[in-house]
Amino acid sequence: MIQVNNTTRRYGDLTAVDNVSFEVNRNEIVGFVGPNGAGKSTMLKMLSTFLLPNEGSIIVDGVDAEKNPLAIRRRIGYLSGDTPLYEEMRVDSFLKFIGQARNLHGETLKEGFDRVVELCGLQNVVYQRVSECSTGFRQRIGLATALIHDPPILLLDEPTHGFDPIQVLAFRDMLQNLRTDRAILFSTHIIADVEAISDRVLIIHQGQILGNGTVKELAKLNGIPESNLEQIFAHLIKNHAPIHEQS
């Protein structure tokens, strides 16, 4: 459902994403892991069509991102690292506003609203102002905005930021429940989240994909005896030459 083909994105002289290719398939959860500044957020912004690549192509659910970005936006749920929330609105009003912006109305809007309130565990704050909610609940509200239109593709940038341990476990269960008929790509620097719920792992550093496969496959490929993603990650980052040193 997601195809990234030899994609590069530059900011002036800085190459944030460097000739990257990968796929995410239906019914698959892929963890996108890398250090801060590795290129994860830039890649997700390109997938969501907020940025376009300088080179290469991106196809989402059969649609070319450069030719028809609005069609892609209808198909995705995107949680950015800094999802804007309207502080003075009540949570219920805000979610209904987002649903209407997604062209949901009447019974369809009510069904979407009820579904995300339950999915994201917002029952206790639904009538509070967004500004009165804790960091963890604000992140849940952001997740709800990405899910309210029931999209077939989810792009989640650091989705467990601000969550306590119980909220993290609930999030993992939620993603497993959402996987059917969806393609899910989530970025994080929290290795435990990736190990717990991902079918496959993408490891990115300095804008380049260093690993793409299951934890077991990556361990075997890199000569690491145990399927330990933390060891795999450390090994790949340590042994990756800086871009300016590569031929």
Protein backbone atom coordinates (compact mmCIF):
# COMPACT_ATOMS: atom_id res chain seq x y z
CA MET A 1 0.00 0.00 0.00
CA ILE A 2 3.03 2.24 0.46
CA GLN A 3 5.84 2.25 -2.10
CA VAL A 4 8.87 4.49 -1.72
CA ASN A 5 11.20 4.42 -4.72
CA ASN A 6 14.72 5.91 -4.61
CA THR A 7 13.43 8.92 -2.71
CA THR A 8 15.66 11.84 -1.70
CA ARG A 9 14.75 15.01 0.18
CA ARG A 10 17.13 17.91 0.72
CA TYR A 11 16.96 21.07 2.79
CA GLY A 12 19.50 23.28 1.08
CA ASP A 13 22.85 21.51 1.44
CA LEU A 14 21.48 19.01 3.98
CA THR A 15 20.28 15.66 2.64
CA ALA A 16 17.64 14.55 5.16
CA VAL A 17 16.52 11.44 3.22
CA ASP A 18 19.05 9.87 0.88
CA ASN A 19 17.90 7.54 -1.94
CA VAL A 20 15.47 5.56 0.23
CA SER A 21 13.31 2.67 -1.02
CA PHE A 22 10.89 0.46 0.94
CA GLU A 23 7.33 -0.87 1.00
CA VAL A 24 4.64 -1.27 3.64
CA ASN A 25 1.96 -3.82 2.84
CA ARG A 26 -1.66 -4.28 3.85
CA ASN A 27 -2.12 -6.01 7.25
CA GLU A 28 1.42 -5.03 8.24
CA ILE A 29 2.83 -2.95 11.10
CA VAL A 30 6.29 -1.57 10.34
CA GLY A 31 8.43 0.14 12.96
CA PHE A 32 10.59 2.98 11.67
CA VAL A 33 13.47 3.45 14.08
CA GLY A 34 16.49 5.71 14.14
CA PRO A 35 18.33 8.31 16.22
CA ASN A 36 17.02 11.84 16.49
CA GLY A 37 17.60 13.64 13.19
CA ALA A 38 17.90 10.41 11.21
CA GLY A 39 15.22 11.38 8.67
CA LYS A 40 12.15 9.64 10.12
CA SER A 41 9.92 12.70 10.37
CA THR A 42 10.96 13.98 6.95
CA MET A 43 10.06 10.62 5.41
CA LEU A 44 6.65 10.62 7.08
CA LYS A 45 6.01 14.19 5.92
CA MET A 46 6.72 13.09 2.36
CA LEU A 47 4.41 10.10 2.70
CA SER A 48 1.67 12.40 3.96
CA THR A 49 2.39 14.84 1.04
CA PHE A 50 3.26 17.77 3.32
CA LEU A 51 6.65 17.61 1.60
CA LEU A 52 7.53 16.35 -1.88
CA PRO A 53 10.76 14.51 -2.68
CA ASN A 54 13.49 16.18 -4.68
CA GLU A 55 14.11 12.85 -6.42
CA GLY A 56 12.32 9.52 -6.67
CA SER A 57 8.65 8.71 -6.28
CA ILE A 58 6.12 7.82 -3.58
CA ILE A 59 3.00 5.75 -4.30
CA VAL A 60 0.35 5.44 -1.57
CA ASP A 61 -2.57 3.09 -2.14
CA GLY A 62 -1.88 3.23 -5.86
CA VAL A 63 -1.77 7.04 -6.00
CA ASP A 64 1.29 9.06 -6.99
CA ALA A 65 2.05 11.59 -4.22
CA GLU A 66 3.25 14.26 -6.63
CA LYS A 67 0.35 13.94 -9.07
CA ASN A 68 -2.57 13.69 -6.63
CA PRO A 69 -1.64 14.63 -3.06
CA LEU A 70 -5.24 15.35 -1.99
CA ALA A 71 -6.31 11.80 -2.86
CA ILE A 72 -3.54 10.47 -0.63
CA ARG A 73 -4.54 12.73 2.26
CA ARG A 74 -8.02 11.23 2.14
CA ARG A 75 -6.54 7.74 2.50
CA ILE A 76 -4.17 8.34 5.40
CA GLY A 77 -4.33 9.06 9.08
CA TYR A 78 -1.26 11.09 10.04
CA LEU A 79 -0.05 11.86 13.55
CA SER A 80 2.82 14.31 13.29
CA GLY A 81 5.39 14.96 15.97
CA ASP A 82 3.71 18.31 16.69
CA THR A 83 0.03 17.73 15.93
CA PRO A 84 -1.77 21.07 16.47
CA LEU A 85 -4.63 20.96 18.98
CA TYR A 86 -7.12 23.76 19.53
CA GLU A 87 -6.50 24.43 23.21
CA GLU A 88 -9.73 26.24 24.09
CA MET A 89 -12.08 23.74 22.46
CA ARG A 90 -13.64 20.90 24.37
CA VAL A 91 -12.33 17.50 23.33
CA ASP A 92 -15.70 16.40 21.92
CA SER A 93 -16.11 19.63 19.92
CA PHE A 94 -12.56 19.44 18.61
CA LEU A 95 -12.90 15.84 17.41
CA LYS A 96 -16.22 16.57 15.74
CA PHE A 97 -14.66 19.60 14.05
CA ILE A 98 -11.85 17.39 12.71
CA GLY A 99 -14.41 14.83 11.56
CA GLN A 100 -16.34 17.50 9.66
CA ALA A 101 -13.09 18.67 8.07
CA ARG A 102 -12.72 15.05 6.94
CA ASN A 103 -16.18 15.29 5.34
CA LEU A 104 -17.95 13.23 8.00
CA HIS A 105 -21.50 14.27 8.81
CA GLY A 106 -24.59 13.00 10.59
CA GLU A 107 -24.53 9.35 11.63
CA THR A 108 -21.13 8.77 10.02
CA LEU A 109 -19.62 11.53 12.16
CA LYS A 110 -21.28 10.15 15.30
CA GLU A 111 -19.98 6.64 14.57
CA GLY A 112 -16.46 7.94 13.94
CA PHE A 113 -16.52 10.05 17.08
CA ASP A 114 -17.81 7.22 19.30
CA ARG A 115 -15.26 4.81 17.81
CA VAL A 116 -12.18 6.97 18.45
CA VAL A 117 -13.29 7.99 21.95
CA GLU A 118 -13.40 4.30 22.86
CA LEU A 119 -10.29 3.31 20.89
CA CYS A 120 -8.16 6.08 22.38
CA GLY A 121 -9.57 5.88 25.91
CA LEU A 122 -10.88 9.45 26.00
CA GLN A 123 -14.09 8.79 27.96
CA ASN A 124 -12.85 10.58 31.10
CA VAL A 125 -11.75 13.77 29.32
CA VAL A 126 -14.20 14.05 26.43
CA TYR A 127 -16.03 17.04 27.98
CA GLN A 128 -12.88 18.83 29.18
CA ARG A 129 -11.06 21.56 27.31
CA VAL A 130 -8.00 20.33 25.43
CA SER A 131 -5.86 22.72 27.51
CA GLU A 132 -6.95 20.91 30.69
CA CYS A 133 -5.69 17.52 29.49
CA SER A 134 -2.36 15.95 30.44
CA THR A 135 0.43 15.36 27.91
CA GLY A 136 -0.56 11.71 27.56
CA PHE A 137 -4.22 12.52 26.94
CA ARG A 138 -3.30 15.25 24.47
CA GLN A 139 -1.33 12.63 22.54
CA ARG A 140 -4.38 10.36 22.60
CA ILE A 141 -6.48 13.22 21.22
CA GLY A 142 -3.95 13.59 18.40
CA LEU A 143 -4.26 9.86 17.68
CA ALA A 144 -8.03 10.20 17.61
CA THR A 145 -7.79 12.92 14.92
CA ALA A 146 -5.71 10.53 12.79
CA LEU A 147 -8.26 7.73 13.17
CA ILE A 148 -11.65 9.45 13.07
CA HIS A 149 -12.16 8.92 9.30
CA ASP A 150 -11.15 5.23 9.55
CA PRO A 151 -8.24 5.46 7.07
CA PRO A 152 -6.64 2.40 5.44
CA ILE A 153 -3.13 3.78 6.03
CA LEU A 154 -1.71 5.08 9.32
CA LEU A 155 1.46 7.19 9.58
CA LEU A 156 2.38 7.81 13.20
CA ASP A 157 5.37 9.94 14.26
CA GLU A 158 6.50 9.18 17.83
CA PRO A 159 2.96 8.10 18.82
CA THR A 160 3.80 7.13 22.43
CA HIS A 161 5.39 10.46 23.33
CA GLY A 162 4.17 11.49 26.76
CA PHE A 163 2.52 8.14 27.51
CA ASP A 164 2.88 6.43 30.87
CA PRO A 165 3.60 2.66 30.90
CA ILE A 166 -0.10 1.72 31.05
CA GLN A 167 -0.89 4.01 28.11
CA VAL A 168 1.98 2.47 26.12
CA LEU A 169 0.54 -1.03 26.63
CA ALA A 170 -2.92 0.20 25.61
CA PHE A 171 -1.45 1.79 22.48
CA ARG A 172 0.24 -1.45 21.48
CA ASP A 173 -3.04 -3.35 21.86
CA MET A 174 -4.84 -0.68 19.84
CA LEU A 175 -2.42 -0.98 16.91
CA GLN A 176 -2.79 -4.75 16.88
CA ASN A 177 -6.57 -4.32 16.74
CA LEU A 178 -6.27 -1.80 13.90
CA ARG A 179 -3.94 -3.81 11.69
CA THR A 180 -6.59 -5.73 9.71
CA ASP A 181 -6.83 -4.35 6.16
CA ARG A 182 -4.47 -1.50 7.03
CA ALA A 183 -0.85 -0.57 6.43
CA ILE A 184 0.71 1.00 9.54
CA LEU A 185 4.08 2.77 9.69
CA PHE A 186 5.15 4.31 12.97
CA SER A 187 8.39 6.06 13.78
CA THR A 188 10.04 5.96 17.17
CA HIS A 189 13.36 5.87 18.96
CA ILE A 190 11.89 3.54 21.61
CA ILE A 191 13.22 0.09 20.72
CA ALA A 192 10.82 -1.75 23.04
CA ASP A 193 7.78 -0.43 21.16
CA VAL A 194 9.17 -1.67 17.86
CA GLU A 195 10.04 -5.11 19.22
CA ALA A 196 6.64 -5.50 20.84
CA ILE A 197 4.35 -4.83 17.89
CA SER A 198 6.20 -4.61 14.57
CA ASP A 199 6.10 -7.27 11.89
CA ARG A 200 9.11 -5.68 10.26
CA VAL A 201 11.65 -2.99 11.10
CA LEU A 202 13.18 -0.17 9.08
CA ILE A 203 16.36 1.26 10.61
CA ILE A 204 17.40 4.68 9.32
CA HIS A 205 20.49 6.74 10.06
CA GLN A 206 21.76 9.89 8.35
CA GLY A 207 18.89 9.63 5.90
CA GLN A 208 19.80 6.13 4.72
CA ILE A 209 18.07 2.79 5.35
CA LEU A 210 20.57 0.52 7.11
CA GLY A 211 18.21 -2.36 7.84
CA ASN A 212 14.87 -3.63 6.51
CA GLY A 213 13.43 -6.92 7.75
CA THR A 214 12.18 -8.84 10.75
CA VAL A 215 14.30 -8.72 13.90
CA LYS A 216 15.30 -12.35 13.29
CA GLU A 217 16.31 -11.60 9.69
CA LEU A 218 18.34 -8.54 10.69
CA ALA A 219 20.10 -10.44 13.47
CA LYS A 220 21.13 -13.21 11.06
CA LEU A 221 22.18 -10.76 8.36
CA ASN A 222 24.42 -8.84 10.77
CA GLY A 223 25.91 -11.86 12.53
CA ILE A 224 24.21 -11.18 15.86
CA PRO A 225 23.41 -14.48 17.61
CA GLU A 226 20.25 -13.31 19.41
CA SER A 227 17.24 -11.58 17.88
CA ASN A 228 17.81 -8.46 19.93
CA LEU A 229 16.80 -5.26 18.15
CA GLU A 230 18.76 -3.07 20.54
CA GLN A 231 21.99 -4.92 19.67
CA ILE A 232 21.14 -4.84 15.95
CA PHE A 233 20.46 -1.11 16.09
CA ALA A 234 23.68 -0.36 17.96
CA HIS A 235 25.69 -2.55 15.58
CA LEU A 236 24.32 -0.87 12.44
CA ILE A 237 24.71 2.67 13.74
CA LYS A 238 28.23 2.03 15.03
CA ASN A 239 29.39 0.50 11.77
CA HIS A 240 27.81 3.04 9.44
CA ALA A 241 30.36 5.47 8.06
CA PRO A 242 29.30 9.13 8.03
CA ILE A 243 27.99 10.29 4.66
CA HIS A 244 30.98 12.53 4.02
CA GLU A 245 33.30 9.52 4.49
CA GLN A 246 31.49 7.28 2.00
CA SER A 247 32.66 6.95 -1.58
